[in-house]
Amino acid sequence: MNYYEIEKLSEHRRSELERRLSEKVKLQEAGVATGLSIRTAAARALLALAHRLDPHLAALQVRQGEVAHRPGC
């Protein structure tokens, strides 16, 4: 590879990384992509739904992505 080809490849990689970063930022701003794991996001969504259905539910504690279970469940 000569200098021109290396420079061209470098520019291509740089522009691809910039495109991916801007796409990721757009998805995060839209709320589609988050830093949460799928399990954590699903647990939060289920808890929110449960609280909407029964507002008198006792507050459940969430620790490091784990949902605390009540005795007898």
PDB file of N, CA and C in Angstrom:
ATOM      1  N   MET A   1       0.838  -1.192   0.000  1.00  0.00           N
ATOM      2  CA  MET A   1       0.000   0.000   0.000  1.00  0.00           C
ATOM      3  C   MET A   1       0.875   1.244   0.000  1.00  0.00           C
ATOM      4  N   ASN A   2       0.482   2.168  -0.782  1.00  0.00           N
ATOM      5  CA  ASN A   2       1.212   3.423  -0.782  1.00  0.00           C
ATOM      6  C   ASN A   2       0.533   4.419   0.174  1.00  0.00           C
ATOM      7  N   TYR A   3       1.145   5.545   0.327  1.00  0.00           N
ATOM      8  CA  TYR A   3       0.654   6.549   1.272  1.00  0.00           C
ATOM      9  C   TYR A   3      -0.767   6.997   0.931  1.00  0.00           C
ATOM     10  N   TYR A   4      -1.061   7.189  -0.348  1.00  0.00           N
ATOM     11  CA  TYR A   4      -2.378   7.648  -0.779  1.00  0.00           C
ATOM     12  C   TYR A   4      -3.456   6.643  -0.381  1.00  0.00           C
ATOM     13  N   GLU A   5      -3.208   5.347  -0.569  1.00  0.00           N
ATOM     14  CA  GLU A   5      -4.189   4.311  -0.225  1.00  0.00           C
ATOM     15  C   GLU A   5      -4.408   4.234   1.287  1.00  0.00           C
ATOM     16  N   ILE A   6      -3.334   4.367   2.041  1.00  0.00           N
ATOM     17  CA  ILE A   6      -3.451   4.348   3.503  1.00  0.00           C
ATOM     18  C   ILE A   6      -4.266   5.543   3.988  1.00  0.00           C
ATOM     19  N   GLU A   7      -3.984   6.691   3.434  1.00  0.00           N
ATOM     20  CA  GLU A   7      -4.719   7.904   3.806  1.00  0.00           C
ATOM     21  C   GLU A   7      -6.200   7.777   3.437  1.00  0.00           C
ATOM     22  N   LYS A   8      -6.497   7.226   2.290  1.00  0.00           N
ATOM     23  CA  LYS A   8      -7.875   7.032   1.835  1.00  0.00           C
ATOM     24  C   LYS A   8      -8.612   6.057   2.757  1.00  0.00           C
ATOM     25  N   LEU A   9      -7.958   4.966   3.121  1.00  0.00           N
ATOM     26  CA  LEU A   9      -8.546   3.986   4.022  1.00  0.00           C
ATOM     27  C   LEU A   9      -8.789   4.595   5.405  1.00  0.00           C
ATOM     28  N   SER A  10      -7.839   5.370   5.880  1.00  0.00           N
ATOM     29  CA  SER A  10      -7.973   6.030   7.172  1.00  0.00           C
ATOM     30  C   SER A  10      -9.162   6.990   7.177  1.00  0.00           C
ATOM     31  N   GLU A  11      -9.311   7.763   6.132  1.00  0.00           N
ATOM     32  CA  GLU A  11     -10.429   8.705   6.025  1.00  0.00           C
ATOM     33  C   GLU A  11     -11.761   7.958   5.966  1.00  0.00           C
ATOM     34  N   HIS A  12     -11.791   6.855   5.257  1.00  0.00           N
ATOM     35  CA  HIS A  12     -13.011   6.054   5.169  1.00  0.00           C
ATOM     36  C   HIS A  12     -13.405   5.518   6.544  1.00  0.00           C
ATOM     37  N   ARG A  13     -12.441   4.989   7.286  1.00  0.00           N
ATOM     38  CA  ARG A  13     -12.708   4.463   8.632  1.00  0.00           C
ATOM     39  C   ARG A  13     -13.168   5.566   9.572  1.00  0.00           C
ATOM     40  N   ARG A  14     -12.545   6.713   9.490  1.00  0.00           N
ATOM     41  CA  ARG A  14     -12.910   7.843  10.336  1.00  0.00           C
ATOM     42  C   ARG A  14     -14.341   8.295  10.049  1.00  0.00           C
ATOM     43  N   SER A  15     -14.707   8.395   8.799  1.00  0.00           N
ATOM     44  CA  SER A  15     -16.063   8.820   8.454  1.00  0.00           C
ATOM     45  C   SER A  15     -17.096   7.769   8.860  1.00  0.00           C
ATOM     46  N   GLU A  16     -16.746   6.487   8.761  1.00  0.00           N
ATOM     47  CA  GLU A  16     -17.651   5.413   9.182  1.00  0.00           C
ATOM     48  C   GLU A  16     -17.873   5.458  10.694  1.00  0.00           C
ATOM     49  N   LEU A  17     -16.823   5.695  11.466  1.00  0.00           N
ATOM     50  CA  LEU A  17     -16.967   5.801  12.919  1.00  0.00           C
ATOM     51  C   LEU A  17     -17.821   7.002  13.304  1.00  0.00           C
ATOM     52  N   GLU A  18     -17.633   8.121  12.617  1.00  0.00           N
ATOM     53  CA  GLU A  18     -18.443   9.313  12.882  1.00  0.00           C
ATOM     54  C   GLU A  18     -19.910   9.054  12.554  1.00  0.00           C
ATOM     55  N   ARG A  19     -20.166   8.345  11.460  1.00  0.00           N
ATOM     56  CA  ARG A  19     -21.542   8.027  11.079  1.00  0.00           C
ATOM     57  C   ARG A  19     -22.203   7.126  12.119  1.00  0.00           C
ATOM     58  N   ARG A  20     -21.474   6.110  12.575  1.00  0.00           N
ATOM     59  CA  ARG A  20     -22.021   5.193  13.582  1.00  0.00           C
ATOM     60  C   ARG A  20     -22.299   5.920  14.895  1.00  0.00           C
ATOM     61  N   LEU A  21     -21.389   6.796  15.295  1.00  0.00           N
ATOM     62  CA  LEU A  21     -21.579   7.543  16.533  1.00  0.00           C
ATOM     63  C   LEU A  21     -22.800   8.450  16.446  1.00  0.00           C
ATOM     64  N   SER A  22     -22.944   9.156  15.351  1.00  0.00           N
ATOM     65  CA  SER A  22     -24.101  10.046  15.212  1.00  0.00           C
ATOM     66  C   SER A  22     -25.397   9.244  15.152  1.00  0.00           C
ATOM     67  N   GLU A  23     -25.367   8.076  14.521  1.00  0.00           N
ATOM     68  CA  GLU A  23     -26.555   7.216  14.475  1.00  0.00           C
ATOM     69  C   GLU A  23     -26.918   6.728  15.876  1.00  0.00           C
ATOM     70  N   LYS A  24     -25.913   6.347  16.663  1.00  0.00           N
ATOM     71  CA  LYS A  24     -26.139   5.887  18.030  1.00  0.00           C
ATOM     72  C   LYS A  24     -26.737   7.003  18.877  1.00  0.00           C
ATOM     73  N   VAL A  25     -26.215   8.214  18.734  1.00  0.00           N
ATOM     74  CA  VAL A  25     -26.718   9.352  19.491  1.00  0.00           C
ATOM     75  C   VAL A  25     -28.172   9.635  19.122  1.00  0.00           C
ATOM     76  N   LYS A  26     -28.504   9.576  17.838  1.00  0.00           N
ATOM     77  CA  LYS A  26     -29.884   9.807  17.400  1.00  0.00           C
ATOM     78  C   LYS A  26     -30.832   8.761  17.989  1.00  0.00           C
ATOM     79  N   LEU A  27     -30.406   7.497  18.009  1.00  0.00           N
ATOM     80  CA  LEU A  27     -31.232   6.438  18.579  1.00  0.00           C
ATOM     81  C   LEU A  27     -31.417   6.621  20.077  1.00  0.00           C
ATOM     82  N   GLN A  28     -30.362   7.045  20.774  1.00  0.00           N
ATOM     83  CA  GLN A  28     -30.475   7.280  22.206  1.00  0.00           C
ATOM     84  C   GLN A  28     -31.402   8.453  22.493  1.00  0.00           C
ATOM     85  N   GLU A  29     -31.311   9.512  21.704  1.00  0.00           N
ATOM     86  CA  GLU A  29     -32.182  10.672  21.895  1.00  0.00           C
ATOM     87  C   GLU A  29     -33.639  10.325  21.620  1.00  0.00           C
ATOM     88  N   ALA A  30     -33.868   9.404  20.685  1.00  0.00           N
ATOM     89  CA  ALA A  30     -35.224   8.978  20.365  1.00  0.00           C
ATOM     90  C   ALA A  30     -35.767   7.986  21.396  1.00  0.00           C
ATOM     91  N   GLY A  31     -34.889   7.508  22.281  1.00  0.00           N
ATOM     92  CA  GLY A  31     -35.321   6.563  23.302  1.00  0.00           C
ATOM     93  C   GLY A  31     -35.331   5.126  22.834  1.00  0.00           C
ATOM     94  N   VAL A  32     -34.817   4.875  21.654  1.00  0.00           N
ATOM     95  CA  VAL A  32     -34.802   3.520  21.104  1.00  0.00           C
ATOM     96  C   VAL A  32     -33.639   2.724  21.666  1.00  0.00           C
ATOM     97  N   ALA A  33     -32.494   3.330  21.771  1.00  0.00           N
ATOM     98  CA  ALA A  33     -31.300   2.654  22.289  1.00  0.00           C
ATOM     99  C   ALA A  33     -30.929   3.276  23.625  1.00  0.00           C
ATOM    100  N   THR A  34     -30.737   2.439  24.620  1.00  0.00           N
ATOM    101  CA  THR A  34     -30.342   2.933  25.932  1.00  0.00           C
ATOM    102  C   THR A  34     -29.172   2.116  26.437  1.00  0.00           C
ATOM    103  N   GLY A  35     -28.646   2.523  27.542  1.00  0.00           N
ATOM    104  CA  GLY A  35     -27.552   1.791  28.156  1.00  0.00           C
ATOM    105  C   GLY A  35     -28.044   0.655  29.038  1.00  0.00           C
ATOM    106  N   LEU A  36     -29.367   0.481  29.140  1.00  0.00           N
ATOM    107  CA  LEU A  36     -29.922  -0.562  29.990  1.00  0.00           C
ATOM    108  C   LEU A  36     -29.902  -1.910  29.289  1.00  0.00           C
ATOM    109  N   SER A  37     -29.760  -2.953  30.091  1.00  0.00           N
ATOM    110  CA  SER A  37     -29.888  -4.292  29.513  1.00  0.00           C
ATOM    111  C   SER A  37     -31.368  -4.543  29.213  1.00  0.00           C
ATOM    112  N   ILE A  38     -31.633  -5.523  28.392  1.00  0.00           N
ATOM    113  CA  ILE A  38     -33.012  -5.836  28.028  1.00  0.00           C
ATOM    114  C   ILE A  38     -33.792  -6.268  29.260  1.00  0.00           C
ATOM    115  N   ARG A  39     -33.172  -7.056  30.126  1.00  0.00           N
ATOM    116  CA  ARG A  39     -33.855  -7.526  31.343  1.00  0.00           C
ATOM    117  C   ARG A  39     -34.224  -6.373  32.252  1.00  0.00           C
ATOM    118  N   THR A  40     -33.311  -5.435  32.443  1.00  0.00           N
ATOM    119  CA  THR A  40     -33.583  -4.290  33.306  1.00  0.00           C
ATOM    120  C   THR A  40     -34.697  -3.429  32.732  1.00  0.00           C
ATOM    121  N   ALA A  41     -34.648  -3.178  31.445  1.00  0.00           N
ATOM    122  CA  ALA A  41     -35.685  -2.370  30.799  1.00  0.00           C
ATOM    123  C   ALA A  41     -37.037  -3.067  30.893  1.00  0.00           C
ATOM    124  N   ALA A  42     -37.064  -4.392  30.688  1.00  0.00           N
ATOM    125  CA  ALA A  42     -38.320  -5.143  30.773  1.00  0.00           C
ATOM    126  C   ALA A  42     -38.866  -5.128  32.198  1.00  0.00           C
ATOM    127  N   ALA A  43     -37.977  -5.291  33.184  1.00  0.00           N
ATOM    128  CA  ALA A  43     -38.421  -5.269  34.581  1.00  0.00           C
ATOM    129  C   ALA A  43     -39.014  -3.917  34.944  1.00  0.00           C
ATOM    130  N   ARG A  44     -38.378  -2.841  34.506  1.00  0.00           N
ATOM    131  CA  ARG A  44     -38.905  -1.501  34.791  1.00  0.00           C
ATOM    132  C   ARG A  44     -40.251  -1.278  34.117  1.00  0.00           C
ATOM    133  N   ALA A  45     -40.386  -1.755  32.886  1.00  0.00           N
ATOM    134  CA  ALA A  45     -41.649  -1.593  32.171  1.00  0.00           C
ATOM    135  C   ALA A  45     -42.762  -2.380  32.862  1.00  0.00           C
ATOM    136  N   LEU A  46     -42.464  -3.604  33.304  1.00  0.00           N
ATOM    137  CA  LEU A  46     -43.470  -4.408  34.003  1.00  0.00           C
ATOM    138  C   LEU A  46     -43.878  -3.778  35.335  1.00  0.00           C
ATOM    139  N   LEU A  47     -42.901  -3.232  36.056  1.00  0.00           N
ATOM    140  CA  LEU A  47     -43.222  -2.556  37.313  1.00  0.00           C
ATOM    141  C   LEU A  47     -44.087  -1.323  37.078  1.00  0.00           C
ATOM    142  N   ALA A  48     -43.788  -0.566  36.062  1.00  0.00           N
ATOM    143  CA  ALA A  48     -44.583   0.619  35.744  1.00  0.00           C
ATOM    144  C   ALA A  48     -46.007   0.219  35.379  1.00  0.00           C
ATOM    145  N   LEU A  49     -46.149  -0.844  34.615  1.00  0.00           N
ATOM    146  CA  LEU A  49     -47.479  -1.325  34.239  1.00  0.00           C
ATOM    147  C   LEU A  49     -48.241  -1.821  35.466  1.00  0.00           C
ATOM    148  N   ALA A  50     -47.575  -2.556  36.337  1.00  0.00           N
ATOM    149  CA  ALA A  50     -48.219  -3.062  37.550  1.00  0.00           C
ATOM    150  C   ALA A  50     -48.691  -1.914  38.435  1.00  0.00           C
ATOM    151  N   HIS A  51     -47.886  -0.869  38.559  1.00  0.00           N
ATOM    152  CA  HIS A  51     -48.276   0.274  39.379  1.00  0.00           C
ATOM    153  C   HIS A  51     -49.426   1.048  38.753  1.00  0.00           C
ATOM    154  N   ARG A  52     -49.518   1.059  37.450  1.00  0.00           N
ATOM    155  CA  ARG A  52     -50.670   1.711  36.808  1.00  0.00           C
ATOM    156  C   ARG A  52     -51.949   0.919  37.042  1.00  0.00           C
ATOM    157  N   LEU A  53     -51.832  -0.402  36.993  1.00  0.00           N
ATOM    158  CA  LEU A  53     -53.005  -1.249  37.197  1.00  0.00           C
ATOM    159  C   LEU A  53     -53.457  -1.243  38.654  1.00  0.00           C
ATOM    160  N   ASP A  54     -52.541  -1.205  39.597  1.00  0.00           N
ATOM    161  CA  ASP A  54     -52.858  -1.197  41.022  1.00  0.00           C
ATOM    162  C   ASP A  54     -51.948  -0.192  41.724  1.00  0.00           C
ATOM    163  N   PRO A  55     -52.409   1.068  41.862  1.00  0.00           N
ATOM    164  CA  PRO A  55     -51.572   2.109  42.452  1.00  0.00           C
ATOM    165  C   PRO A  55     -51.242   1.868  43.925  1.00  0.00           C
ATOM    166  N   HIS A  56     -51.936   0.933  44.567  1.00  0.00           N
ATOM    167  CA  HIS A  56     -51.722   0.692  45.991  1.00  0.00           C
ATOM    168  C   HIS A  56     -50.680  -0.386  46.258  1.00  0.00           C
ATOM    169  N   LEU A  57     -49.982  -0.812  45.212  1.00  0.00           N
ATOM    170  CA  LEU A  57     -48.927  -1.804  45.398  1.00  0.00           C
ATOM    171  C   LEU A  57     -47.829  -1.252  46.295  1.00  0.00           C
ATOM    172  N   ALA A  58     -47.283  -2.125  47.114  1.00  0.00           N
ATOM    173  CA  ALA A  58     -46.142  -1.712  47.947  1.00  0.00           C
ATOM    174  C   ALA A  58     -44.950  -1.465  47.032  1.00  0.00           C
ATOM    175  N   ALA A  59     -44.147  -0.509  47.391  1.00  0.00           N
ATOM    176  CA  ALA A  59     -42.971  -0.187  46.576  1.00  0.00           C
ATOM    177  C   ALA A  59     -42.014  -1.371  46.599  1.00  0.00           C
ATOM    178  N   LEU A  60     -41.611  -1.815  45.435  1.00  0.00           N
ATOM    179  CA  LEU A  60     -40.657  -2.911  45.329  1.00  0.00           C
ATOM    180  C   LEU A  60     -39.264  -2.335  45.230  1.00  0.00           C
ATOM    181  N   GLN A  61     -38.333  -2.973  45.890  1.00  0.00           N
ATOM    182  CA  GLN A  61     -36.957  -2.499  45.858  1.00  0.00           C
ATOM    183  C   GLN A  61     -36.233  -3.117  44.678  1.00  0.00           C
ATOM    184  N   VAL A  62     -35.484  -2.304  44.002  1.00  0.00           N
ATOM    185  CA  VAL A  62     -34.704  -2.775  42.863  1.00  0.00           C
ATOM    186  C   VAL A  62     -33.232  -2.587  43.204  1.00  0.00           C
ATOM    187  N   ARG A  63     -32.484  -3.691  43.156  1.00  0.00           N
ATOM    188  CA  ARG A  63     -31.058  -3.640  43.477  1.00  0.00           C
ATOM    189  C   ARG A  63     -30.272  -4.231  42.325  1.00  0.00           C
ATOM    190  N   GLN A  64     -29.424  -3.466  41.737  1.00  0.00           N
ATOM    191  CA  GLN A  64     -28.524  -3.933  40.678  1.00  0.00           C
ATOM    192  C   GLN A  64     -29.250  -4.747  39.617  1.00  0.00           C
ATOM    193  N   GLY A  65     -30.414  -4.286  39.200  1.00  0.00           N
ATOM    194  CA  GLY A  65     -31.142  -4.986  38.139  1.00  0.00           C
ATOM    195  C   GLY A  65     -31.961  -6.157  38.628  1.00  0.00           C
ATOM    196  N   GLU A  66     -31.939  -6.436  39.937  1.00  0.00           N
ATOM    197  CA  GLU A  66     -32.743  -7.522  40.472  1.00  0.00           C
ATOM    198  C   GLU A  66     -34.012  -6.940  41.086  1.00  0.00           C
ATOM    199  N   VAL A  67     -35.123  -7.598  40.864  1.00  0.00           N
ATOM    200  CA  VAL A  67     -36.375  -7.192  41.473  1.00  0.00           C
ATOM    201  C   VAL A  67     -36.546  -8.053  42.714  1.00  0.00           C
ATOM    202  N   ALA A  68     -36.733  -7.405  43.868  1.00  0.00           N
ATOM    203  CA  ALA A  68     -36.897  -8.140  45.114  1.00  0.00           C
ATOM    204  C   ALA A  68     -38.262  -8.839  45.097  1.00  0.00           C
ATOM    205  N   HIS A  69     -38.286 -10.083  45.511  1.00  0.00           N
ATOM    206  CA  HIS A  69     -39.535 -10.866  45.547  1.00  0.00           C
ATOM    207  C   HIS A  69     -40.107 -10.848  46.942  1.00  0.00           C
ATOM    208  N   ARG A  70     -41.432 -10.757  47.017  1.00  0.00           N
ATOM    209  CA  ARG A  70     -42.112 -10.820  48.304  1.00  0.00           C
ATOM    210  C   ARG A  70     -42.189 -12.281  48.752  1.00  0.00           C
ATOM    211  N   PRO A  71     -42.202 -12.542  50.046  1.00  0.00           N
ATOM    212  CA  PRO A  71     -42.298 -13.917  50.524  1.00  0.00           C
ATOM    213  C   PRO A  71     -43.587 -14.572  50.032  1.00  0.00           C
ATOM    214  N   GLY A  72     -43.490 -15.823  49.650  1.00  0.00           N
ATOM    215  CA  GLY A  72     -44.653 -16.559  49.190  1.00  0.00           C
ATOM    216  C   GLY A  72     -44.932 -16.424  47.706  1.00  0.00           C
ATOM    217  N   CYS A  73     -44.122 -15.664  46.984  1.00  0.00           N
ATOM    218  CA  CYS A  73     -44.339 -15.491  45.541  1.00  0.00           C
ATOM    219  C   CYS A  73     -43.618 -16.557  44.771  1.00  0.00           C
TER     220      CYS A  73
END
